[in-house]
Amino acid sequence: QVQLEESGGALVQPGESLRLACVVSGGSTIPLSVAWYRRGVDKSRAWVGGITTGGTTDYEDAVKGRFSISRDNSKKTIYLQMNNLKPEDTGVYYCQHTRSDGDYWGQGTQVTVNS
C-alpha cells in the first residue's frame, strides 16, 4: 500500500521561504513522479507543479520563478521549495502520486502567509 506524508507547512510572513517535503512509502517505482496541489480558501484544489520520472518539472504560472521541486530518490522524498511567499500562496498543500492502480494523496500540510 502506497502512503504519502507531507510536512513542512507553517505560518510565515510575505517574502519568506518554506520547504515542504513529501515522503512516499510503499511499493512505488523509483524515480517517483509526484505532483503538488494547493487547496485555497475557496476550497478548490489547484495544481501547483510536478516532477516526472525523468526529472522534468513544471509549474503553474503564478509560482514560476518562486517555487521549485526536487527529489531525493534514496529517501523517496519530493520537496517543494517555496521562496518569496505571498498571501495568495496560503492553503493546504498536498502531494499526489499516480500508479497504474490509482491516485494516491497525502493528508496535506497547512501553509499560511500572513503579515
N, C-alpha and C. Protein backbone atom coordinates (compact mmCIF):
# COMPACT_ATOMS: atom_id res chain seq x y z
N GLN A 1 0.84 -1.18 0.00
CA GLN A 1 0.00 0.00 0.00
C GLN A 1 0.88 1.24 0.00
N VAL A 2 0.60 2.15 -0.92
CA VAL A 2 1.37 3.38 -1.02
C VAL A 2 0.81 4.42 -0.06
N GLN A 3 1.69 5.10 0.63
CA GLN A 3 1.29 6.20 1.51
C GLN A 3 2.17 7.41 1.24
N LEU A 4 1.55 8.57 1.29
CA LEU A 4 2.26 9.82 1.12
C LEU A 4 2.08 10.66 2.37
N GLU A 5 3.11 11.30 2.81
CA GLU A 5 3.04 12.14 4.01
C GLU A 5 3.78 13.43 3.76
N GLU A 6 3.03 14.54 3.84
CA GLU A 6 3.62 15.86 3.68
C GLU A 6 4.04 16.42 5.04
N SER A 7 5.00 17.31 4.99
CA SER A 7 5.42 18.03 6.19
C SER A 7 6.06 19.34 5.77
N GLY A 8 6.23 20.23 6.74
CA GLY A 8 6.94 21.47 6.49
C GLY A 8 6.09 22.72 6.45
N GLY A 9 4.76 22.55 6.50
CA GLY A 9 3.91 23.73 6.49
C GLY A 9 4.07 24.56 7.75
N ALA A 10 3.82 25.86 7.61
CA ALA A 10 3.98 26.76 8.76
C ALA A 10 3.29 28.09 8.46
N LEU A 11 3.28 28.94 9.46
CA LEU A 11 2.82 30.32 9.32
C LEU A 11 4.06 31.18 9.07
N VAL A 12 4.07 31.89 7.96
CA VAL A 12 5.21 32.74 7.62
C VAL A 12 4.73 34.10 7.16
N GLN A 13 5.65 35.03 7.08
CA GLN A 13 5.33 36.36 6.59
C GLN A 13 5.61 36.44 5.09
N PRO A 14 4.97 37.36 4.42
CA PRO A 14 5.25 37.54 2.99
C PRO A 14 6.74 37.76 2.73
N GLY A 15 7.24 37.14 1.67
CA GLY A 15 8.65 37.25 1.33
C GLY A 15 9.53 36.15 1.90
N GLU A 16 8.99 35.42 2.87
CA GLU A 16 9.78 34.35 3.47
C GLU A 16 9.70 33.07 2.63
N SER A 17 10.45 32.06 3.07
CA SER A 17 10.55 30.80 2.33
C SER A 17 10.14 29.63 3.21
N LEU A 18 9.70 28.58 2.55
CA LEU A 18 9.42 27.31 3.20
C LEU A 18 9.83 26.18 2.27
N ARG A 19 10.16 25.05 2.85
CA ARG A 19 10.37 23.85 2.06
C ARG A 19 9.45 22.74 2.57
N LEU A 20 8.58 22.30 1.71
CA LEU A 20 7.69 21.19 2.03
C LEU A 20 8.34 19.88 1.58
N ALA A 21 8.04 18.83 2.30
CA ALA A 21 8.54 17.50 1.93
C ALA A 21 7.38 16.54 1.80
N CYS A 22 7.52 15.62 0.88
CA CYS A 22 6.53 14.56 0.66
C CYS A 22 7.28 13.23 0.64
N VAL A 23 7.03 12.43 1.66
CA VAL A 23 7.67 11.12 1.74
C VAL A 23 6.70 10.07 1.20
N VAL A 24 7.18 9.27 0.26
CA VAL A 24 6.35 8.23 -0.36
C VAL A 24 6.82 6.87 0.15
N SER A 25 5.96 6.16 0.82
CA SER A 25 6.30 4.82 1.30
C SER A 25 5.44 3.80 0.57
N GLY A 26 5.94 2.60 0.50
CA GLY A 26 5.21 1.57 -0.23
C GLY A 26 5.97 1.14 -1.46
N GLY A 27 5.30 0.48 -2.36
CA GLY A 27 5.98 -0.18 -3.45
C GLY A 27 6.07 0.57 -4.76
N SER A 28 6.12 1.90 -4.72
CA SER A 28 6.21 2.63 -5.97
C SER A 28 7.61 2.58 -6.54
N THR A 29 7.66 2.69 -7.86
CA THR A 29 8.93 2.61 -8.58
C THR A 29 9.72 3.91 -8.44
N ILE A 30 11.01 3.75 -8.22
CA ILE A 30 11.91 4.89 -8.18
C ILE A 30 12.52 5.05 -9.56
N PRO A 31 12.69 6.24 -10.12
CA PRO A 31 12.34 7.53 -9.51
C PRO A 31 10.84 7.78 -9.52
N LEU A 32 10.40 8.61 -8.58
CA LEU A 32 9.00 8.87 -8.41
C LEU A 32 8.55 10.08 -9.22
N SER A 33 7.34 10.01 -9.71
CA SER A 33 6.70 11.19 -10.28
C SER A 33 5.63 11.64 -9.29
N VAL A 34 5.66 12.90 -8.95
CA VAL A 34 4.76 13.44 -7.93
C VAL A 34 4.30 14.82 -8.35
N ALA A 35 3.07 15.13 -8.02
CA ALA A 35 2.53 16.46 -8.25
C ALA A 35 2.18 17.10 -6.92
N TRP A 36 2.24 18.41 -6.87
CA TRP A 36 1.82 19.18 -5.70
C TRP A 36 0.56 19.97 -6.06
N TYR A 37 -0.36 19.98 -5.12
CA TYR A 37 -1.60 20.73 -5.27
C TYR A 37 -1.80 21.61 -4.05
N ARG A 38 -2.59 22.65 -4.23
CA ARG A 38 -2.94 23.55 -3.13
C ARG A 38 -4.46 23.68 -3.07
N ARG A 39 -4.99 23.57 -1.89
CA ARG A 39 -6.40 23.87 -1.68
C ARG A 39 -6.46 25.20 -0.96
N GLY A 40 -6.96 26.19 -1.65
CA GLY A 40 -7.01 27.53 -1.12
C GLY A 40 -8.26 27.80 -0.33
N VAL A 41 -8.45 29.06 -0.01
CA VAL A 41 -9.57 29.45 0.84
C VAL A 41 -10.91 29.18 0.17
N ASP A 42 -10.92 29.12 -1.16
CA ASP A 42 -12.16 28.81 -1.86
C ASP A 42 -12.44 27.32 -1.90
N LYS A 43 -11.56 26.52 -1.28
CA LYS A 43 -11.70 25.07 -1.14
C LYS A 43 -11.47 24.29 -2.43
N SER A 44 -11.13 24.98 -3.51
CA SER A 44 -10.83 24.24 -4.74
C SER A 44 -9.38 23.79 -4.68
N ARG A 45 -9.09 22.64 -5.28
CA ARG A 45 -7.74 22.09 -5.27
C ARG A 45 -7.09 22.39 -6.61
N ALA A 46 -6.00 23.15 -6.57
CA ALA A 46 -5.35 23.59 -7.80
C ALA A 46 -3.96 22.98 -7.91
N TRP A 47 -3.60 22.62 -9.11
CA TRP A 47 -2.27 22.07 -9.38
C TRP A 47 -1.23 23.17 -9.23
N VAL A 48 -0.15 22.87 -8.51
CA VAL A 48 0.93 23.83 -8.29
C VAL A 48 2.12 23.51 -9.17
N GLY A 49 2.46 22.23 -9.26
CA GLY A 49 3.59 21.83 -10.06
C GLY A 49 3.83 20.35 -9.90
N GLY A 50 4.79 19.83 -10.65
CA GLY A 50 5.07 18.42 -10.57
C GLY A 50 6.43 18.06 -11.14
N ILE A 51 6.84 16.85 -10.85
CA ILE A 51 8.09 16.32 -11.37
C ILE A 51 7.80 14.94 -11.95
N THR A 52 8.36 14.69 -13.15
CA THR A 52 8.13 13.41 -13.82
C THR A 52 9.21 12.41 -13.42
N THR A 53 9.03 11.17 -13.83
CA THR A 53 10.04 10.16 -13.54
C THR A 53 11.39 10.54 -14.17
N GLY A 54 11.33 11.24 -15.29
CA GLY A 54 12.55 11.67 -15.95
C GLY A 54 13.20 12.90 -15.36
N GLY A 55 12.52 13.49 -14.35
CA GLY A 55 13.09 14.65 -13.68
C GLY A 55 12.63 15.99 -14.23
N THR A 56 11.75 15.96 -15.21
CA THR A 56 11.24 17.22 -15.74
C THR A 56 10.26 17.84 -14.76
N THR A 57 10.40 19.13 -14.53
CA THR A 57 9.49 19.84 -13.64
C THR A 57 8.67 20.85 -14.41
N ASP A 58 7.51 21.13 -13.89
CA ASP A 58 6.64 22.14 -14.48
C ASP A 58 5.83 22.77 -13.35
N TYR A 59 5.43 24.03 -13.56
CA TYR A 59 4.76 24.78 -12.50
C TYR A 59 3.62 25.62 -13.08
N GLU A 60 2.68 25.94 -12.22
CA GLU A 60 1.65 26.89 -12.62
C GLU A 60 2.31 28.27 -12.76
N ASP A 61 1.72 29.08 -13.60
CA ASP A 61 2.33 30.38 -13.92
C ASP A 61 2.55 31.23 -12.68
N ALA A 62 1.63 31.17 -11.73
CA ALA A 62 1.69 32.05 -10.56
C ALA A 62 2.90 31.78 -9.66
N VAL A 63 3.50 30.59 -9.77
CA VAL A 63 4.63 30.26 -8.89
C VAL A 63 5.94 30.09 -9.64
N LYS A 64 5.91 30.21 -10.95
CA LYS A 64 7.15 30.07 -11.73
C LYS A 64 8.16 31.12 -11.29
N GLY A 65 9.38 30.67 -11.09
CA GLY A 65 10.43 31.57 -10.63
C GLY A 65 10.52 31.69 -9.12
N ARG A 66 9.49 31.21 -8.42
CA ARG A 66 9.50 31.27 -6.95
C ARG A 66 9.54 29.88 -6.32
N PHE A 67 8.87 28.93 -6.92
CA PHE A 67 8.80 27.57 -6.39
C PHE A 67 9.68 26.64 -7.23
N SER A 68 10.21 25.64 -6.59
CA SER A 68 10.95 24.62 -7.32
C SER A 68 10.75 23.26 -6.65
N ILE A 69 10.73 22.23 -7.47
CA ILE A 69 10.53 20.86 -6.99
C ILE A 69 11.81 20.07 -7.23
N SER A 70 12.19 19.33 -6.22
CA SER A 70 13.37 18.46 -6.33
C SER A 70 13.04 17.11 -5.72
N ARG A 71 13.96 16.18 -5.87
CA ARG A 71 13.66 14.80 -5.48
C ARG A 71 14.93 14.16 -4.92
N ASP A 72 14.76 13.42 -3.84
CA ASP A 72 15.84 12.60 -3.28
C ASP A 72 15.37 11.15 -3.36
N ASN A 73 15.84 10.45 -4.38
CA ASN A 73 15.36 9.08 -4.60
C ASN A 73 15.74 8.14 -3.46
N SER A 74 16.89 8.36 -2.85
CA SER A 74 17.33 7.48 -1.76
C SER A 74 16.40 7.58 -0.56
N LYS A 75 15.76 8.74 -0.40
CA LYS A 75 14.84 8.95 0.72
C LYS A 75 13.38 8.86 0.28
N LYS A 76 13.14 8.61 -1.01
CA LYS A 76 11.79 8.57 -1.57
C LYS A 76 11.02 9.83 -1.14
N THR A 77 11.69 10.94 -1.27
CA THR A 77 11.12 12.21 -0.82
C THR A 77 11.18 13.22 -1.94
N ILE A 78 10.08 13.95 -2.09
CA ILE A 78 9.99 15.04 -3.05
C ILE A 78 9.81 16.32 -2.27
N TYR A 79 10.52 17.35 -2.68
CA TYR A 79 10.49 18.62 -1.98
C TYR A 79 9.85 19.70 -2.85
N LEU A 80 9.17 20.60 -2.17
CA LEU A 80 8.64 21.80 -2.82
C LEU A 80 9.26 22.99 -2.10
N GLN A 81 10.23 23.61 -2.75
CA GLN A 81 10.87 24.81 -2.20
C GLN A 81 10.06 26.02 -2.63
N MET A 82 9.62 26.78 -1.65
CA MET A 82 8.77 27.93 -1.93
C MET A 82 9.46 29.19 -1.43
N ASN A 83 9.82 30.06 -2.34
CA ASN A 83 10.50 31.30 -2.00
C ASN A 83 9.59 32.50 -2.27
N ASN A 84 9.93 33.61 -1.62
CA ASN A 84 9.16 34.84 -1.82
C ASN A 84 7.66 34.57 -1.72
N LEU A 85 7.27 33.97 -0.62
CA LEU A 85 5.87 33.59 -0.46
C LEU A 85 4.96 34.81 -0.39
N LYS A 86 3.76 34.63 -0.93
CA LYS A 86 2.76 35.69 -0.99
C LYS A 86 1.50 35.22 -0.27
N PRO A 87 0.67 36.14 0.18
CA PRO A 87 -0.58 35.73 0.87
C PRO A 87 -1.44 34.79 0.02
N GLU A 88 -1.42 34.97 -1.28
CA GLU A 88 -2.23 34.11 -2.14
C GLU A 88 -1.69 32.68 -2.25
N ASP A 89 -0.51 32.43 -1.69
CA ASP A 89 0.02 31.06 -1.64
C ASP A 89 -0.57 30.27 -0.47
N THR A 90 -1.32 30.95 0.37
CA THR A 90 -1.92 30.30 1.54
C THR A 90 -2.84 29.15 1.13
N GLY A 91 -2.73 28.06 1.86
CA GLY A 91 -3.60 26.93 1.61
C GLY A 91 -3.02 25.65 2.19
N VAL A 92 -3.75 24.58 1.96
CA VAL A 92 -3.26 23.25 2.34
C VAL A 92 -2.59 22.65 1.11
N TYR A 93 -1.37 22.23 1.28
CA TYR A 93 -0.60 21.66 0.17
C TYR A 93 -0.59 20.13 0.27
N TYR A 94 -0.90 19.52 -0.86
CA TYR A 94 -0.96 18.07 -0.95
C TYR A 94 0.02 17.57 -2.00
N CYS A 95 0.60 16.41 -1.75
CA CYS A 95 1.33 15.75 -2.82
C CYS A 95 0.50 14.58 -3.32
N GLN A 96 0.68 14.27 -4.58
CA GLN A 96 -0.12 13.25 -5.25
C GLN A 96 0.76 12.40 -6.14
N HIS A 97 0.53 11.12 -6.09
CA HIS A 97 1.33 10.17 -6.86
C HIS A 97 0.39 9.23 -7.60
N THR A 98 0.63 9.04 -8.86
CA THR A 98 -0.23 8.19 -9.68
C THR A 98 0.48 6.89 -10.03
N ARG A 99 -0.23 5.79 -9.78
CA ARG A 99 0.26 4.49 -10.22
C ARG A 99 -0.79 3.85 -11.11
N SER A 100 -0.48 2.69 -11.63
CA SER A 100 -1.44 2.01 -12.50
C SER A 100 -2.72 1.65 -11.76
N ASP A 101 -2.63 1.54 -10.43
CA ASP A 101 -3.80 1.15 -9.65
C ASP A 101 -4.53 2.34 -9.05
N GLY A 102 -4.14 3.55 -9.44
CA GLY A 102 -4.89 4.70 -8.98
C GLY A 102 -4.03 5.85 -8.49
N ASP A 103 -4.71 6.88 -8.00
CA ASP A 103 -4.05 8.07 -7.47
C ASP A 103 -3.96 7.97 -5.95
N TYR A 104 -2.83 8.43 -5.44
CA TYR A 104 -2.62 8.43 -4.01
C TYR A 104 -2.31 9.85 -3.55
N TRP A 105 -2.88 10.20 -2.40
CA TRP A 105 -2.74 11.55 -1.86
C TRP A 105 -2.26 11.49 -0.42
N GLY A 106 -1.54 12.53 -0.04
CA GLY A 106 -1.20 12.69 1.36
C GLY A 106 -2.32 13.42 2.08
N GLN A 107 -2.10 13.67 3.36
CA GLN A 107 -3.13 14.30 4.18
C GLN A 107 -3.07 15.82 4.12
N GLY A 108 -1.99 16.35 3.59
CA GLY A 108 -1.84 17.79 3.42
C GLY A 108 -1.09 18.45 4.56
N THR A 109 -0.50 19.59 4.24
CA THR A 109 0.18 20.39 5.25
C THR A 109 -0.19 21.85 5.01
N GLN A 110 -0.48 22.56 6.11
CA GLN A 110 -1.01 23.93 6.01
C GLN A 110 0.11 24.94 5.87
N VAL A 111 -0.02 25.79 4.87
CA VAL A 111 0.88 26.93 4.68
C VAL A 111 0.05 28.19 4.79
N THR A 112 0.45 29.07 5.69
CA THR A 112 -0.26 30.34 5.85
C THR A 112 0.75 31.47 5.71
N VAL A 113 0.47 32.36 4.78
CA VAL A 113 1.33 33.51 4.55
C VAL A 113 0.55 34.76 4.95
N ASN A 114 0.99 35.37 6.04
CA ASN A 114 0.20 36.44 6.63
C ASN A 114 1.12 37.37 7.40
N SER A 115 0.96 38.64 7.16
CA SER A 115 1.77 39.59 7.93
C SER A 115 1.06 39.97 9.23
